[in-house]
Amino acid sequence: MSVAWVNRQGRRRRAVVSSRLLALALAGFLAGCGGAAPPPTFDLAAPRDNLGARPGQGLIVVAEPSALAAIDTNRLIVMTRGGGLAYLGDAQWSDRLPKLVQVRLIQTFENAKRLTAVGRPGDRLLPVAQLNSEIRRFGIDEATGEAVIEMSVKIVQDRTGRILAGNIFTRSVPAGGSGGPLAAAALDLAMQEMLRDIVRWTSSRI
């Protein structure tokens, strides 16, 4: 048996092993890509009615709300009886919750026509004030079976940074069940009522 023959056999074995490893890696990749489908996606709506429309005055910018890391997500939250937070596995929001709330709040101001203009920080506007907020609670309360939302809102003068007004808004509605679609619908309903409250309160102070 020649040395050249042995070398050829070794190369063939290594080639076979390499091709098998490549096939296994590709199969694992494809299996990972074919995992469970993502949960259904839900949205929040910007209300158009019962906004008390009147001639617009003032210009504000609406900052993205702040929130704890557990709330700064696209997942639907359940506030458990023990005071913890859990996530529903059969529903998700269309974006991170703070971003989604910011967009719908701006749209609600636009729908109400209660201000001259409204935008985001960085829109190259010259606002009278900025609306800052914090999402404190936004989920299903396991103890009561209600969709509960709580937000702290402040109107801050743009030039001086002085707080012109502040308020805490709370809304709750029955969730009607523990499933993701029912939870999303209840939270959307509660959020629409809160958006109306915030727009009326803010525009009366600008």
N, C-alpha and C. Protein backbone atom coordinates (compact mmCIF):
# COMPACT_ATOMS: atom_id res chain seq x y z
N MET A 1 0.86 -1.19 0.00
CA MET A 1 0.00 0.00 0.00
C MET A 1 0.90 1.24 0.00
N SER A 2 0.66 2.13 -0.98
CA SER A 2 1.54 3.28 -1.11
C SER A 2 1.09 4.41 -0.20
N VAL A 3 2.02 5.30 0.09
CA VAL A 3 1.70 6.47 0.90
C VAL A 3 0.70 7.37 0.18
N ALA A 4 0.82 7.49 -1.14
CA ALA A 4 -0.10 8.33 -1.91
C ALA A 4 -1.53 7.82 -1.81
N TRP A 5 -1.69 6.49 -1.84
CA TRP A 5 -3.05 5.92 -1.75
C TRP A 5 -3.66 6.23 -0.39
N VAL A 6 -2.86 6.09 0.67
CA VAL A 6 -3.34 6.38 2.02
C VAL A 6 -3.76 7.84 2.13
N ASN A 7 -2.96 8.72 1.55
CA ASN A 7 -3.29 10.15 1.60
C ASN A 7 -4.60 10.45 0.87
N ARG A 8 -4.79 9.78 -0.28
CA ARG A 8 -6.03 9.99 -1.04
C ARG A 8 -7.24 9.51 -0.24
N GLN A 9 -7.11 8.36 0.41
CA GLN A 9 -8.21 7.84 1.22
C GLN A 9 -8.54 8.79 2.38
N GLY A 10 -7.50 9.34 2.99
CA GLY A 10 -7.72 10.29 4.10
C GLY A 10 -8.44 11.53 3.63
N ARG A 11 -8.06 12.02 2.46
CA ARG A 11 -8.73 13.21 1.94
C ARG A 11 -10.19 12.93 1.64
N ARG A 12 -10.47 11.72 1.09
CA ARG A 12 -11.86 11.36 0.79
C ARG A 12 -12.70 11.31 2.07
N ARG A 13 -12.14 10.71 3.15
CA ARG A 13 -12.88 10.62 4.41
C ARG A 13 -13.16 12.01 4.97
N ARG A 14 -12.16 12.87 4.92
CA ARG A 14 -12.35 14.23 5.44
C ARG A 14 -13.40 14.99 4.63
N ALA A 15 -13.41 14.75 3.32
CA ALA A 15 -14.40 15.42 2.48
C ALA A 15 -15.81 14.93 2.81
N VAL A 16 -15.96 13.62 3.03
CA VAL A 16 -17.27 13.06 3.39
C VAL A 16 -17.75 13.62 4.72
N VAL A 17 -16.85 13.65 5.72
CA VAL A 17 -17.21 14.17 7.04
C VAL A 17 -17.60 15.63 6.94
N SER A 18 -16.84 16.41 6.17
CA SER A 18 -17.14 17.83 6.03
C SER A 18 -18.50 18.05 5.39
N SER A 19 -18.81 17.27 4.35
CA SER A 19 -20.09 17.43 3.68
C SER A 19 -21.25 17.05 4.60
N ARG A 20 -21.02 16.00 5.43
CA ARG A 20 -22.08 15.62 6.37
C ARG A 20 -22.31 16.70 7.42
N LEU A 21 -21.22 17.28 7.95
CA LEU A 21 -21.34 18.35 8.93
C LEU A 21 -22.06 19.55 8.34
N LEU A 22 -21.76 19.88 7.08
CA LEU A 22 -22.41 21.00 6.41
C LEU A 22 -23.90 20.73 6.26
N ALA A 23 -24.25 19.49 5.91
CA ALA A 23 -25.66 19.13 5.74
C ALA A 23 -26.41 19.23 7.07
N LEU A 24 -25.76 18.77 8.16
CA LEU A 24 -26.39 18.86 9.47
C LEU A 24 -26.58 20.30 9.90
N ALA A 25 -25.59 21.14 9.65
CA ALA A 25 -25.69 22.55 10.02
C ALA A 25 -26.82 23.24 9.25
N LEU A 26 -26.92 22.93 7.95
CA LEU A 26 -27.99 23.51 7.14
C LEU A 26 -29.35 23.04 7.61
N ALA A 27 -29.45 21.75 7.98
CA ALA A 27 -30.73 21.23 8.46
C ALA A 27 -31.13 21.91 9.76
N GLY A 28 -30.16 22.13 10.65
CA GLY A 28 -30.46 22.82 11.90
C GLY A 28 -30.90 24.25 11.67
N PHE A 29 -30.26 24.93 10.71
CA PHE A 29 -30.63 26.31 10.40
C PHE A 29 -32.05 26.37 9.88
N LEU A 30 -32.40 25.46 8.96
CA LEU A 30 -33.74 25.46 8.39
C LEU A 30 -34.78 25.11 9.44
N ALA A 31 -34.43 24.23 10.36
CA ALA A 31 -35.37 23.87 11.42
C ALA A 31 -35.64 25.07 12.31
N GLY A 32 -34.59 25.84 12.58
CA GLY A 32 -34.76 27.04 13.39
C GLY A 32 -35.63 28.06 12.70
N CYS A 33 -35.46 28.20 11.38
CA CYS A 33 -36.27 29.15 10.62
C CYS A 33 -37.73 28.74 10.57
N GLY A 34 -37.99 27.45 10.69
CA GLY A 34 -39.36 26.96 10.61
C GLY A 34 -39.99 26.79 11.97
N GLY A 35 -39.61 27.58 12.97
CA GLY A 35 -40.13 27.49 14.32
C GLY A 35 -41.57 27.97 14.39
N ALA A 36 -42.03 28.11 15.63
CA ALA A 36 -43.41 28.51 15.86
C ALA A 36 -43.69 29.89 15.26
N ALA A 37 -44.88 30.05 14.73
CA ALA A 37 -45.27 31.32 14.14
C ALA A 37 -45.42 32.38 15.23
N PRO A 38 -45.11 33.65 14.93
CA PRO A 38 -45.27 34.71 15.93
C PRO A 38 -46.73 34.88 16.30
N PRO A 39 -47.02 35.39 17.50
CA PRO A 39 -48.41 35.58 17.91
C PRO A 39 -49.09 36.67 17.10
N PRO A 40 -50.41 36.71 17.09
CA PRO A 40 -51.13 37.76 16.37
C PRO A 40 -50.73 39.15 16.88
N THR A 41 -50.71 40.11 15.97
CA THR A 41 -50.29 41.48 16.28
C THR A 41 -51.50 42.40 16.37
N PHE A 42 -51.50 43.26 17.40
CA PHE A 42 -52.62 44.18 17.63
C PHE A 42 -52.10 45.61 17.70
N ASP A 43 -53.02 46.57 17.56
CA ASP A 43 -52.65 47.98 17.50
C ASP A 43 -53.52 48.77 18.47
N LEU A 44 -53.10 50.00 18.71
CA LEU A 44 -53.90 50.97 19.45
C LEU A 44 -54.44 52.00 18.46
N ALA A 45 -55.65 52.47 18.69
CA ALA A 45 -56.28 53.41 17.77
C ALA A 45 -56.26 54.81 18.36
N ALA A 46 -56.13 55.81 17.48
CA ALA A 46 -56.24 57.21 17.87
C ALA A 46 -57.69 57.64 17.67
N PRO A 47 -58.40 58.02 18.73
CA PRO A 47 -59.82 58.37 18.58
C PRO A 47 -60.02 59.62 17.74
N ARG A 48 -61.17 59.68 17.07
CA ARG A 48 -61.52 60.84 16.24
C ARG A 48 -62.76 61.57 16.76
N ASP A 49 -63.52 60.93 17.65
CA ASP A 49 -64.76 61.51 18.12
C ASP A 49 -64.64 61.92 19.59
N ASN A 50 -65.61 62.75 20.04
CA ASN A 50 -65.68 63.19 21.44
C ASN A 50 -64.38 63.84 21.91
N LEU A 51 -63.79 64.65 21.05
CA LEU A 51 -62.53 65.31 21.38
C LEU A 51 -62.73 66.79 21.68
N GLY A 52 -63.96 67.29 21.54
CA GLY A 52 -64.22 68.70 21.83
C GLY A 52 -63.43 69.63 20.93
N ALA A 53 -63.52 69.43 19.63
CA ALA A 53 -62.73 70.22 18.69
C ALA A 53 -63.07 71.70 18.81
N ARG A 54 -62.03 72.54 18.69
CA ARG A 54 -62.19 73.99 18.70
C ARG A 54 -61.01 74.59 17.95
N PRO A 55 -61.03 75.89 17.61
CA PRO A 55 -59.90 76.49 16.89
C PRO A 55 -58.59 76.26 17.63
N GLY A 56 -57.56 75.88 16.88
CA GLY A 56 -56.28 75.53 17.49
C GLY A 56 -55.51 76.73 18.00
N GLN A 57 -54.80 76.53 19.10
CA GLN A 57 -53.91 77.54 19.65
C GLN A 57 -52.67 76.83 20.19
N GLY A 58 -51.50 77.42 19.94
CA GLY A 58 -50.27 76.87 20.50
C GLY A 58 -49.69 75.75 19.66
N LEU A 59 -48.43 75.44 19.94
CA LEU A 59 -47.69 74.39 19.23
C LEU A 59 -46.88 73.62 20.27
N ILE A 60 -47.03 72.31 20.28
CA ILE A 60 -46.28 71.48 21.23
C ILE A 60 -45.60 70.32 20.51
N VAL A 61 -44.62 69.74 21.20
CA VAL A 61 -44.03 68.49 20.74
C VAL A 61 -44.31 67.43 21.81
N VAL A 62 -44.51 66.21 21.37
CA VAL A 62 -44.84 65.10 22.26
C VAL A 62 -43.65 64.14 22.30
N ALA A 63 -43.02 64.04 23.46
CA ALA A 63 -41.89 63.14 23.62
C ALA A 63 -42.37 61.70 23.76
N GLU A 64 -41.50 60.75 23.43
CA GLU A 64 -41.83 59.34 23.66
C GLU A 64 -41.92 59.10 25.15
N PRO A 65 -42.99 58.47 25.63
CA PRO A 65 -43.12 58.23 27.07
C PRO A 65 -41.96 57.37 27.60
N SER A 66 -41.58 57.63 28.84
CA SER A 66 -40.62 56.76 29.51
C SER A 66 -41.37 55.60 30.15
N ALA A 67 -40.65 54.52 30.44
CA ALA A 67 -41.27 53.34 31.05
C ALA A 67 -40.17 52.43 31.56
N LEU A 68 -40.49 51.63 32.56
CA LEU A 68 -39.56 50.62 33.02
C LEU A 68 -39.31 49.61 31.90
N ALA A 69 -38.18 48.92 32.00
CA ALA A 69 -37.80 47.97 30.95
C ALA A 69 -38.87 46.90 30.74
N ALA A 70 -39.54 46.49 31.80
CA ALA A 70 -40.56 45.44 31.68
C ALA A 70 -41.77 45.91 30.87
N ILE A 71 -42.01 47.23 30.83
CA ILE A 71 -43.13 47.79 30.07
C ILE A 71 -42.69 48.24 28.68
N ASP A 72 -41.41 48.55 28.54
CA ASP A 72 -40.88 49.03 27.26
C ASP A 72 -40.68 47.84 26.32
N THR A 73 -41.78 47.29 25.83
CA THR A 73 -41.77 46.07 25.03
C THR A 73 -43.00 46.07 24.13
N ASN A 74 -43.04 45.14 23.19
CA ASN A 74 -44.23 44.99 22.36
C ASN A 74 -45.14 43.87 22.88
N ARG A 75 -44.83 43.33 24.04
CA ARG A 75 -45.61 42.23 24.60
C ARG A 75 -46.73 42.76 25.50
N LEU A 76 -47.84 42.03 25.56
CA LEU A 76 -48.96 42.39 26.41
C LEU A 76 -48.70 41.89 27.83
N ILE A 77 -48.97 42.74 28.80
CA ILE A 77 -48.58 42.48 30.18
C ILE A 77 -49.78 42.08 31.01
N VAL A 78 -49.53 41.14 31.94
CA VAL A 78 -50.49 40.79 32.98
C VAL A 78 -49.85 41.15 34.32
N MET A 79 -50.56 41.96 35.11
CA MET A 79 -50.11 42.30 36.45
C MET A 79 -50.68 41.26 37.41
N THR A 80 -49.81 40.40 37.93
CA THR A 80 -50.26 39.24 38.70
C THR A 80 -50.68 39.63 40.11
N ARG A 81 -51.39 38.72 40.76
CA ARG A 81 -51.87 38.96 42.13
C ARG A 81 -50.71 39.17 43.10
N GLY A 82 -49.59 38.57 42.83
CA GLY A 82 -48.44 38.71 43.72
C GLY A 82 -47.66 39.98 43.52
N GLY A 83 -48.11 40.84 42.64
CA GLY A 83 -47.42 42.10 42.40
C GLY A 83 -46.37 42.03 41.31
N GLY A 84 -46.26 40.90 40.63
CA GLY A 84 -45.28 40.76 39.55
C GLY A 84 -45.90 41.04 38.19
N LEU A 85 -45.09 40.85 37.16
CA LEU A 85 -45.54 41.04 35.78
C LEU A 85 -45.30 39.76 34.99
N ALA A 86 -46.27 39.41 34.15
CA ALA A 86 -46.14 38.28 33.24
C ALA A 86 -46.55 38.77 31.85
N TYR A 87 -46.23 37.96 30.84
CA TYR A 87 -46.54 38.34 29.46
C TYR A 87 -47.47 37.32 28.83
N LEU A 88 -48.45 37.83 28.07
CA LEU A 88 -49.34 36.94 27.32
C LEU A 88 -48.60 36.39 26.12
N GLY A 89 -48.76 35.10 25.87
CA GLY A 89 -48.04 34.48 24.77
C GLY A 89 -48.80 34.47 23.46
N ASP A 90 -50.08 34.88 23.48
CA ASP A 90 -50.89 34.77 22.26
C ASP A 90 -51.25 36.13 21.69
N ALA A 91 -50.44 37.16 21.95
CA ALA A 91 -50.70 38.50 21.39
C ALA A 91 -49.46 39.36 21.55
N GLN A 92 -49.31 40.33 20.65
CA GLN A 92 -48.24 41.31 20.75
C GLN A 92 -48.70 42.62 20.12
N TRP A 93 -48.08 43.74 20.55
CA TRP A 93 -48.37 45.03 19.95
C TRP A 93 -47.60 45.19 18.65
N SER A 94 -48.01 46.14 17.83
CA SER A 94 -47.37 46.35 16.53
C SER A 94 -46.02 47.05 16.65
N ASP A 95 -45.71 47.58 17.84
CA ASP A 95 -44.43 48.25 18.06
C ASP A 95 -44.18 48.26 19.56
N ARG A 96 -43.01 48.77 19.97
CA ARG A 96 -42.76 48.98 21.39
C ARG A 96 -43.87 49.87 21.95
N LEU A 97 -44.34 49.56 23.15
CA LEU A 97 -45.48 50.28 23.71
C LEU A 97 -45.24 51.79 23.81
N PRO A 98 -44.10 52.28 24.35
CA PRO A 98 -43.92 53.74 24.42
C PRO A 98 -43.96 54.41 23.06
N LYS A 99 -43.37 53.79 22.05
CA LYS A 99 -43.40 54.37 20.71
C LYS A 99 -44.82 54.40 20.17
N LEU A 100 -45.55 53.34 20.40
CA LEU A 100 -46.93 53.26 19.92
C LEU A 100 -47.81 54.31 20.59
N VAL A 101 -47.64 54.50 21.89
CA VAL A 101 -48.42 55.50 22.61
C VAL A 101 -48.09 56.90 22.11
N GLN A 102 -46.81 57.18 21.87
CA GLN A 102 -46.42 58.50 21.34
C GLN A 102 -47.10 58.79 20.01
N VAL A 103 -47.06 57.84 19.10
CA VAL A 103 -47.64 58.04 17.77
C VAL A 103 -49.15 58.28 17.88
N ARG A 104 -49.85 57.47 18.68
CA ARG A 104 -51.31 57.63 18.78
C ARG A 104 -51.68 58.92 19.53
N LEU A 105 -50.84 59.37 20.44
CA LEU A 105 -51.12 60.62 21.14
C LEU A 105 -51.00 61.80 20.17
N ILE A 106 -49.97 61.81 19.35
CA ILE A 106 -49.81 62.85 18.34
C ILE A 106 -50.99 62.85 17.38
N GLN A 107 -51.40 61.67 16.93
CA GLN A 107 -52.52 61.58 16.00
C GLN A 107 -53.83 62.06 16.64
N THR A 108 -54.00 61.81 17.93
CA THR A 108 -55.22 62.27 18.61
C THR A 108 -55.24 63.79 18.70
N PHE A 109 -54.09 64.42 19.00
CA PHE A 109 -54.02 65.88 18.97
C PHE A 109 -54.38 66.40 17.58
N GLU A 110 -53.86 65.76 16.55
CA GLU A 110 -54.15 66.19 15.18
C GLU A 110 -55.63 66.03 14.86
N ASN A 111 -56.23 64.91 15.30
CA ASN A 111 -57.65 64.68 15.05
C ASN A 111 -58.53 65.71 15.75
N ALA A 112 -58.09 66.15 16.94
CA ALA A 112 -58.90 67.08 17.72
C ALA A 112 -58.83 68.50 17.19
N LYS A 113 -57.73 68.84 16.50
CA LYS A 113 -57.54 70.21 15.98
C LYS A 113 -57.63 71.26 17.09
N ARG A 114 -57.16 70.88 18.27
CA ARG A 114 -57.22 71.80 19.41
C ARG A 114 -55.95 72.62 19.55
N LEU A 115 -54.93 72.35 18.74
CA LEU A 115 -53.68 73.11 18.78
C LEU A 115 -53.31 73.53 17.36
N THR A 116 -52.46 74.55 17.27
CA THR A 116 -52.02 74.99 15.95
C THR A 116 -51.25 73.89 15.24
N ALA A 117 -50.37 73.22 15.97
CA ALA A 117 -49.58 72.14 15.40
C ALA A 117 -49.02 71.29 16.52
N VAL A 118 -48.66 70.05 16.19
CA VAL A 118 -48.08 69.12 17.15
C VAL A 118 -47.06 68.27 16.40
N GLY A 119 -45.95 67.93 17.06
CA GLY A 119 -44.92 67.13 16.42
C GLY A 119 -44.11 66.36 17.44
N ARG A 120 -42.93 65.93 17.01
CA ARG A 120 -42.01 65.19 17.87
C ARG A 120 -40.79 66.04 18.14
N PRO A 121 -40.07 65.80 19.23
CA PRO A 121 -38.79 66.48 19.42
C PRO A 121 -37.87 66.19 18.24
N GLY A 122 -37.20 67.20 17.73
CA GLY A 122 -36.34 67.01 16.57
C GLY A 122 -37.01 67.30 15.25
N ASP A 123 -38.29 67.71 15.28
CA ASP A 123 -39.01 68.02 14.04
C ASP A 123 -38.75 69.44 13.52
N ARG A 124 -37.79 70.13 14.13
CA ARG A 124 -37.41 71.50 13.71
C ARG A 124 -38.59 72.46 13.87
N LEU A 125 -39.37 72.25 14.93
CA LEU A 125 -40.46 73.15 15.26
C LEU A 125 -40.00 74.12 16.35
N LEU A 126 -40.78 75.15 16.57
CA LEU A 126 -40.53 76.10 17.66
C LEU A 126 -41.72 76.02 18.61
N PRO A 127 -41.73 75.01 19.47
CA PRO A 127 -42.92 74.77 20.29
C PRO A 127 -43.02 75.70 21.48
N VAL A 128 -44.25 75.86 21.95
CA VAL A 128 -44.49 76.56 23.21
C VAL A 128 -44.08 75.66 24.38
N ALA A 129 -44.37 74.37 24.24
CA ALA A 129 -44.11 73.44 25.33
C ALA A 129 -43.89 72.04 24.79
N GLN A 130 -43.38 71.19 25.67
CA GLN A 130 -43.19 69.77 25.35
C GLN A 130 -44.01 68.95 26.33
N LEU A 131 -44.63 67.90 25.81
CA LEU A 131 -45.42 67.00 26.65
C LEU A 131 -44.57 65.78 26.99
N ASN A 132 -44.23 65.66 28.27
CA ASN A 132 -43.47 64.51 28.76
C ASN A 132 -44.40 63.59 29.54
N SER A 133 -44.15 62.30 29.46
CA SER A 133 -45.03 61.37 30.15
C SER A 133 -44.27 60.10 30.55
N GLU A 134 -44.89 59.37 31.46
CA GLU A 134 -44.35 58.09 31.92
C GLU A 134 -45.50 57.09 31.98
N ILE A 135 -45.28 55.92 31.39
CA ILE A 135 -46.26 54.84 31.48
C ILE A 135 -45.98 54.07 32.77
N ARG A 136 -46.90 54.16 33.72
CA ARG A 136 -46.71 53.49 35.00
C ARG A 136 -47.31 52.09 35.02
N ARG A 137 -48.50 51.98 34.44
CA ARG A 137 -49.14 50.66 34.33
C ARG A 137 -49.83 50.58 32.97
N PHE A 138 -49.75 49.40 32.37
CA PHE A 138 -50.40 49.20 31.07
C PHE A 138 -50.56 47.69 30.87
N GLY A 139 -51.65 47.15 31.40
CA GLY A 139 -51.83 45.71 31.26
C GLY A 139 -53.11 45.24 31.90
N ILE A 140 -53.25 43.92 31.99
CA ILE A 140 -54.42 43.28 32.58
C ILE A 140 -54.14 43.00 34.05
N ASP A 141 -55.01 43.52 34.92
CA ASP A 141 -54.89 43.26 36.35
C ASP A 141 -55.54 41.91 36.66
N GLU A 142 -54.70 40.95 37.02
CA GLU A 142 -55.20 39.59 37.25
C GLU A 142 -56.22 39.55 38.39
N ALA A 143 -56.05 40.40 39.38
CA ALA A 143 -56.94 40.37 40.55
C ALA A 143 -58.34 40.85 40.21
N THR A 144 -58.46 41.86 39.34
CA THR A 144 -59.77 42.44 39.03
C THR A 144 -60.31 42.03 37.66
N GLY A 145 -59.45 41.48 36.82
CA GLY A 145 -59.87 41.14 35.47
C GLY A 145 -60.09 42.35 34.59
N GLU A 146 -59.45 43.47 34.92
CA GLU A 146 -59.62 44.70 34.16
C GLU A 146 -58.35 45.07 33.40
N ALA A 147 -58.55 45.77 32.29
CA ALA A 147 -57.44 46.42 31.59
C ALA A 147 -57.19 47.75 32.28
N VAL A 148 -55.97 47.95 32.78
CA VAL A 148 -55.65 49.12 33.58
C VAL A 148 -54.49 49.88 32.94
N ILE A 149 -54.66 51.20 32.79
CA ILE A 149 -53.61 52.06 32.27
C ILE A 149 -53.43 53.23 33.23
N GLU A 150 -52.19 53.54 33.54
CA GLU A 150 -51.88 54.71 34.37
C GLU A 150 -50.68 55.43 33.78
N MET A 151 -50.83 56.74 33.55
CA MET A 151 -49.75 57.53 33.00
C MET A 151 -49.60 58.84 33.77
N SER A 152 -48.36 59.24 33.98
CA SER A 152 -48.05 60.55 34.53
C SER A 152 -47.67 61.47 33.38
N VAL A 153 -48.28 62.66 33.32
CA VAL A 153 -48.08 63.58 32.19
C VAL A 153 -47.68 64.95 32.73
N LYS A 154 -46.70 65.57 32.08
CA LYS A 154 -46.25 66.91 32.46
C LYS A 154 -46.13 67.78 31.21
N ILE A 155 -46.58 69.03 31.33
CA ILE A 155 -46.38 70.03 30.29
C ILE A 155 -45.17 70.87 30.70
N VAL A 156 -44.13 70.86 29.88
CA VAL A 156 -42.88 71.54 30.22
C VAL A 156 -42.66 72.68 29.24
N GLN A 157 -42.43 73.89 29.78
CA GLN A 157 -42.16 75.04 28.92
C GLN A 157 -40.86 74.81 28.16
N ASP A 158 -40.91 75.03 26.86
CA ASP A 158 -39.77 74.66 26.02
C ASP A 158 -38.54 75.52 26.31
N ARG A 159 -38.70 76.82 26.51
CA ARG A 159 -37.53 77.71 26.67
C ARG A 159 -36.86 77.58 28.02
N THR A 160 -37.65 77.41 29.07
CA THR A 160 -37.09 77.43 30.42
C THR A 160 -37.01 76.06 31.08
N GLY A 161 -37.75 75.08 30.56
CA GLY A 161 -37.78 73.77 31.20
C GLY A 161 -38.66 73.73 32.43
N ARG A 162 -39.40 74.79 32.69
CA ARG A 162 -40.28 74.84 33.86
C ARG A 162 -41.53 74.01 33.62
N ILE A 163 -41.94 73.25 34.64
CA ILE A 163 -43.15 72.45 34.53
C ILE A 163 -44.37 73.36 34.69
N LEU A 164 -45.18 73.46 33.65
CA LEU A 164 -46.36 74.31 33.67
C LEU A 164 -47.55 73.62 34.34
N ALA A 165 -47.65 72.32 34.17
CA ALA A 165 -48.76 71.57 34.76
C ALA A 165 -48.42 70.09 34.75
N GLY A 166 -49.00 69.36 35.67
CA GLY A 166 -48.79 67.92 35.72
C GLY A 166 -50.05 67.22 36.20
N ASN A 167 -50.21 65.97 35.77
CA ASN A 167 -51.40 65.23 36.17
C ASN A 167 -51.13 63.74 36.01
N ILE A 168 -51.87 62.94 36.76
CA ILE A 168 -51.80 61.48 36.63
C ILE A 168 -53.16 61.00 36.12
N PHE A 169 -53.13 60.28 35.01
CA PHE A 169 -54.35 59.79 34.38
C PHE A 169 -54.45 58.28 34.58
N THR A 170 -55.65 57.82 34.90
CA THR A 170 -55.90 56.39 35.10
C THR A 170 -57.21 56.01 34.41
N ARG A 171 -57.18 54.91 33.71
CA ARG A 171 -58.38 54.37 33.08
C ARG A 171 -58.39 52.85 33.24
N SER A 172 -59.59 52.29 33.41
CA SER A 172 -59.72 50.83 33.49
C SER A 172 -61.06 50.42 32.90
N VAL A 173 -61.05 49.28 32.20
CA VAL A 173 -62.28 48.71 31.63
C VAL A 173 -62.22 47.20 31.81
N PRO A 174 -63.37 46.52 31.92
CA PRO A 174 -63.35 45.06 32.03
C PRO A 174 -62.69 44.42 30.82
N ALA A 175 -61.85 43.42 31.08
CA ALA A 175 -61.13 42.77 29.98
C ALA A 175 -61.98 41.74 29.27
N GLY A 176 -62.96 41.14 29.96
CA GLY A 176 -63.83 40.16 29.32
C GLY A 176 -63.22 38.80 29.13
N GLY A 177 -62.01 38.57 29.60
CA GLY A 177 -61.35 37.27 29.46
C GLY A 177 -59.84 37.44 29.53
N SER A 178 -59.15 36.29 29.55
CA SER A 178 -57.69 36.31 29.71
C SER A 178 -56.94 36.12 28.41
N GLY A 179 -57.64 35.91 27.31
CA GLY A 179 -56.96 35.69 26.03
C GLY A 179 -56.38 36.97 25.47
N GLY A 180 -55.36 36.81 24.63
CA GLY A 180 -54.68 37.95 24.05
C GLY A 180 -55.57 38.90 23.28
N PRO A 181 -56.42 38.42 22.35
CA PRO A 181 -57.30 39.33 21.60
C PRO A 181 -58.24 40.13 22.50
N LEU A 182 -58.81 39.51 23.52
CA LEU A 182 -59.70 40.23 24.43
C LEU A 182 -58.92 41.25 25.25
N ALA A 183 -57.72 40.88 25.68
CA ALA A 183 -56.88 41.81 26.45
C ALA A 183 -56.49 43.01 25.59
N ALA A 184 -56.10 42.77 24.35
CA ALA A 184 -55.71 43.87 23.45
C ALA A 184 -56.88 44.80 23.19
N ALA A 185 -58.07 44.25 22.98
CA ALA A 185 -59.25 45.07 22.71
C ALA A 185 -59.59 45.94 23.92
N ALA A 186 -59.51 45.37 25.13
CA ALA A 186 -59.82 46.13 26.34
C ALA A 186 -58.79 47.23 26.58
N LEU A 187 -57.52 46.93 26.38
CA LEU A 187 -56.48 47.95 26.57
C LEU A 187 -56.61 49.06 25.53
N ASP A 188 -56.98 48.71 24.32
CA ASP A 188 -57.19 49.73 23.29
C ASP A 188 -58.34 50.65 23.69
N LEU A 189 -59.43 50.09 24.20
CA LEU A 189 -60.57 50.89 24.62
C LEU A 189 -60.19 51.84 25.76
N ALA A 190 -59.46 51.31 26.76
CA ALA A 190 -59.02 52.15 27.87
C ALA A 190 -58.06 53.24 27.40
N MET A 191 -57.18 52.90 26.45
CA MET A 191 -56.21 53.88 25.95
C MET A 191 -56.90 54.98 25.17
N GLN A 192 -57.93 54.67 24.40
CA GLN A 192 -58.65 55.70 23.67
C GLN A 192 -59.28 56.71 24.62
N GLU A 193 -59.85 56.23 25.73
CA GLU A 193 -60.42 57.14 26.71
C GLU A 193 -59.33 58.01 27.34
N MET A 194 -58.18 57.42 27.63
CA MET A 194 -57.10 58.20 28.22
C MET A 194 -56.54 59.22 27.22
N LEU A 195 -56.42 58.86 25.96
CA LEU A 195 -55.96 59.80 24.95
C LEU A 195 -56.87 61.02 24.89
N ARG A 196 -58.19 60.80 24.96
CA ARG A 196 -59.13 61.92 24.99
C ARG A 196 -58.87 62.80 26.22
N ASP A 197 -58.69 62.15 27.38
CA ASP A 197 -58.45 62.90 28.61
C ASP A 197 -57.19 63.76 28.51
N ILE A 198 -56.12 63.18 28.00
CA ILE A 198 -54.84 63.89 27.93
C ILE A 198 -54.91 65.06 26.95
N VAL A 199 -55.56 64.85 25.81
CA VAL A 199 -55.66 65.90 24.80
C VAL A 199 -56.49 67.07 25.33
N ARG A 200 -57.64 66.79 25.94
CA ARG A 200 -58.46 67.86 26.49
C ARG A 200 -57.71 68.62 27.57
N TRP A 201 -57.06 67.91 28.49
CA TRP A 201 -56.36 68.54 29.60
C TRP A 201 -55.20 69.40 29.10
N THR A 202 -54.42 68.85 28.17
CA THR A 202 -53.23 69.57 27.68
C THR A 202 -53.62 70.81 26.91
N SER A 203 -54.55 70.68 25.98
CA SER A 203 -54.89 71.81 25.10
C SER A 203 -55.56 72.94 25.85
N SER A 204 -56.15 72.64 27.00
CA SER A 204 -56.77 73.70 27.80
C SER A 204 -55.73 74.50 28.58
N ARG A 205 -54.47 74.03 28.54
CA ARG A 205 -53.41 74.70 29.32
C ARG A 205 -52.31 75.27 28.44
N ILE A 206 -52.46 75.17 27.14
CA ILE A 206 -51.44 75.72 26.22
C ILE A 206 -51.90 77.08 25.70
